[in-house]
Amino acid sequence: MTLAFFVSATIFACFLAEECEEKRRNRWYLMGALSASIATLIKGPVGFIIPTLVLAIFNGLRVDRAS
């Protein structure tokens, strides 16, 4: 359950970072990195591989709204 919490927190923080302005973006990315590092300490590389894959797929499928 702890791993699931921190993996979900990583994904959510990075999603919010993509949706925020520049000033708050760095804080959300820092929170995501902190969550990923704790998840990695709990279960090893799974803690950052799963969020990385989810976010890569999300950004790959995302249609840029600015265009």
N, C-alpha and C. Protein backbone atom coordinates (compact mmCIF):
# COMPACT_ATOMS: atom_id res chain seq x y z
N MET A 1 0.83 -1.19 0.00
CA MET A 1 0.00 0.00 0.00
C MET A 1 0.87 1.25 0.00
N THR A 2 1.98 1.21 0.68
CA THR A 2 2.85 2.37 0.72
C THR A 2 3.44 2.65 -0.66
N LEU A 3 3.85 1.60 -1.35
CA LEU A 3 4.37 1.78 -2.70
C LEU A 3 3.31 2.37 -3.61
N ALA A 4 2.10 1.85 -3.55
CA ALA A 4 1.02 2.37 -4.39
C ALA A 4 0.75 3.84 -4.10
N PHE A 5 0.81 4.22 -2.83
CA PHE A 5 0.59 5.62 -2.47
C PHE A 5 1.64 6.52 -3.11
N PHE A 6 2.92 6.16 -2.96
CA PHE A 6 3.97 7.04 -3.47
C PHE A 6 4.06 7.03 -5.00
N VAL A 7 3.76 5.89 -5.63
CA VAL A 7 3.71 5.87 -7.10
C VAL A 7 2.57 6.76 -7.60
N SER A 8 1.42 6.66 -6.96
CA SER A 8 0.28 7.50 -7.34
C SER A 8 0.57 8.97 -7.07
N ALA A 9 1.23 9.26 -5.96
CA ALA A 9 1.59 10.65 -5.65
C ALA A 9 2.56 11.20 -6.68
N THR A 10 3.48 10.38 -7.15
CA THR A 10 4.43 10.81 -8.19
C THR A 10 3.70 11.16 -9.48
N ILE A 11 2.81 10.29 -9.90
CA ILE A 11 2.07 10.51 -11.14
C ILE A 11 1.19 11.74 -11.02
N PHE A 12 0.51 11.89 -9.90
CA PHE A 12 -0.38 13.03 -9.70
C PHE A 12 0.40 14.34 -9.65
N ALA A 13 1.53 14.35 -8.96
CA ALA A 13 2.33 15.58 -8.87
C ALA A 13 2.88 15.98 -10.24
N CYS A 14 3.32 15.03 -11.02
CA CYS A 14 3.83 15.35 -12.36
C CYS A 14 2.71 15.80 -13.29
N PHE A 15 1.53 15.24 -13.14
CA PHE A 15 0.38 15.70 -13.92
C PHE A 15 0.06 17.15 -13.58
N LEU A 16 0.02 17.46 -12.28
CA LEU A 16 -0.25 18.83 -11.86
C LEU A 16 0.84 19.79 -12.32
N ALA A 17 2.08 19.33 -12.37
CA ALA A 17 3.17 20.17 -12.85
C ALA A 17 2.97 20.53 -14.32
N GLU A 18 2.46 19.60 -15.10
CA GLU A 18 2.21 19.89 -16.51
C GLU A 18 1.07 20.87 -16.71
N GLU A 19 0.17 20.94 -15.76
CA GLU A 19 -1.00 21.80 -15.89
C GLU A 19 -0.80 23.19 -15.28
N CYS A 20 0.27 23.41 -14.51
CA CYS A 20 0.48 24.67 -13.79
C CYS A 20 1.38 25.62 -14.57
N GLU A 21 1.43 26.85 -14.06
CA GLU A 21 2.34 27.84 -14.62
C GLU A 21 3.77 27.53 -14.21
N GLU A 22 4.70 28.28 -14.76
CA GLU A 22 6.12 28.02 -14.55
C GLU A 22 6.54 28.08 -13.09
N LYS A 23 6.04 29.04 -12.34
CA LYS A 23 6.49 29.22 -10.96
C LYS A 23 6.12 28.03 -10.08
N ARG A 24 4.91 27.55 -10.21
CA ARG A 24 4.46 26.42 -9.39
C ARG A 24 4.89 25.08 -9.96
N ARG A 25 5.24 25.06 -11.23
CA ARG A 25 5.63 23.82 -11.91
C ARG A 25 6.84 23.17 -11.24
N ASN A 26 7.83 23.97 -10.90
CA ASN A 26 9.04 23.41 -10.27
C ASN A 26 8.74 22.76 -8.93
N ARG A 27 7.81 23.36 -8.18
CA ARG A 27 7.45 22.76 -6.89
C ARG A 27 6.78 21.41 -7.07
N TRP A 28 5.90 21.30 -8.05
CA TRP A 28 5.22 20.03 -8.28
C TRP A 28 6.20 18.97 -8.79
N TYR A 29 7.13 19.36 -9.66
CA TYR A 29 8.14 18.40 -10.10
C TYR A 29 9.04 17.95 -8.95
N LEU A 30 9.35 18.87 -8.05
CA LEU A 30 10.14 18.50 -6.88
C LEU A 30 9.37 17.52 -5.99
N MET A 31 8.07 17.76 -5.82
CA MET A 31 7.24 16.84 -5.04
C MET A 31 7.17 15.47 -5.72
N GLY A 32 7.07 15.45 -7.04
CA GLY A 32 7.07 14.19 -7.77
C GLY A 32 8.38 13.44 -7.64
N ALA A 33 9.49 14.17 -7.69
CA ALA A 33 10.80 13.53 -7.53
C ALA A 33 10.97 12.97 -6.12
N LEU A 34 10.49 13.70 -5.14
CA LEU A 34 10.56 13.23 -3.76
C LEU A 34 9.72 11.96 -3.58
N SER A 35 8.53 11.96 -4.13
CA SER A 35 7.67 10.77 -4.04
C SER A 35 8.28 9.58 -4.76
N ALA A 36 8.86 9.83 -5.93
CA ALA A 36 9.51 8.73 -6.68
C ALA A 36 10.71 8.19 -5.93
N SER A 37 11.44 9.06 -5.27
CA SER A 37 12.61 8.57 -4.53
C SER A 37 12.20 7.74 -3.32
N ILE A 38 11.14 8.13 -2.65
CA ILE A 38 10.66 7.32 -1.52
C ILE A 38 10.13 5.98 -2.02
N ALA A 39 9.40 5.99 -3.15
CA ALA A 39 8.91 4.74 -3.72
C ALA A 39 10.06 3.83 -4.12
N THR A 40 11.14 4.42 -4.62
CA THR A 40 12.31 3.64 -5.00
C THR A 40 12.99 3.04 -3.78
N LEU A 41 13.04 3.78 -2.71
CA LEU A 41 13.61 3.24 -1.47
C LEU A 41 12.77 2.10 -0.92
N ILE A 42 11.46 2.15 -1.16
CA ILE A 42 10.57 1.11 -0.64
C ILE A 42 10.71 -0.18 -1.44
N LYS A 43 10.70 -0.10 -2.77
CA LYS A 43 10.61 -1.32 -3.58
C LYS A 43 11.67 -1.42 -4.67
N GLY A 44 12.58 -0.50 -4.76
CA GLY A 44 13.61 -0.58 -5.81
C GLY A 44 13.19 0.17 -7.06
N PRO A 45 13.74 -0.20 -8.19
CA PRO A 45 13.51 0.53 -9.44
C PRO A 45 12.05 0.62 -9.88
N VAL A 46 11.22 -0.25 -9.36
CA VAL A 46 9.79 -0.19 -9.70
C VAL A 46 9.21 1.16 -9.30
N GLY A 47 9.78 1.78 -8.28
CA GLY A 47 9.27 3.04 -7.77
C GLY A 47 9.39 4.19 -8.73
N PHE A 48 10.33 4.14 -9.67
CA PHE A 48 10.41 5.21 -10.66
C PHE A 48 10.13 4.73 -12.07
N ILE A 49 10.20 3.43 -12.32
CA ILE A 49 9.93 2.92 -13.67
C ILE A 49 8.45 3.02 -14.01
N ILE A 50 7.59 2.62 -13.10
CA ILE A 50 6.15 2.68 -13.37
C ILE A 50 5.67 4.12 -13.61
N PRO A 51 6.00 5.09 -12.74
CA PRO A 51 5.57 6.46 -13.03
C PRO A 51 6.16 7.01 -14.33
N THR A 52 7.41 6.64 -14.64
CA THR A 52 8.02 7.11 -15.87
C THR A 52 7.28 6.60 -17.09
N LEU A 53 6.91 5.32 -17.08
CA LEU A 53 6.17 4.76 -18.20
C LEU A 53 4.79 5.40 -18.34
N VAL A 54 4.10 5.57 -17.21
CA VAL A 54 2.76 6.17 -17.25
C VAL A 54 2.83 7.60 -17.79
N LEU A 55 3.78 8.38 -17.32
CA LEU A 55 3.89 9.77 -17.77
C LEU A 55 4.36 9.87 -19.21
N ALA A 56 5.22 8.94 -19.65
CA ALA A 56 5.65 8.94 -21.06
C ALA A 56 4.47 8.64 -21.98
N ILE A 57 3.65 7.69 -21.60
CA ILE A 57 2.47 7.37 -22.41
C ILE A 57 1.49 8.53 -22.39
N PHE A 58 1.29 9.12 -21.22
CA PHE A 58 0.39 10.28 -21.10
C PHE A 58 0.84 11.42 -22.00
N ASN A 59 2.12 11.75 -21.95
CA ASN A 59 2.62 12.85 -22.77
C ASN A 59 2.65 12.49 -24.24
N GLY A 60 2.82 11.22 -24.56
CA GLY A 60 2.81 10.80 -25.95
C GLY A 60 1.42 10.85 -26.57
N LEU A 61 0.40 10.55 -25.79
CA LEU A 61 -0.97 10.55 -26.30
C LEU A 61 -1.67 11.89 -26.18
N ARG A 62 -1.09 12.78 -25.40
CA ARG A 62 -1.71 14.07 -25.13
C ARG A 62 -1.69 14.97 -26.36
N VAL A 63 -2.81 15.56 -26.65
CA VAL A 63 -2.89 16.52 -27.74
C VAL A 63 -2.59 17.89 -27.17
N ASP A 64 -1.63 18.57 -27.76
CA ASP A 64 -1.24 19.88 -27.26
C ASP A 64 -2.36 20.88 -27.50
N ARG A 65 -2.85 21.47 -26.42
CA ARG A 65 -3.97 22.41 -26.52
C ARG A 65 -3.55 23.78 -27.04
N ALA A 66 -2.25 24.08 -27.00
CA ALA A 66 -1.78 25.39 -27.43
C ALA A 66 -1.75 25.50 -28.96
N SER A 67 -1.66 24.40 -29.66
CA SER A 67 -1.57 24.44 -31.12
C SER A 67 -2.90 24.68 -31.77
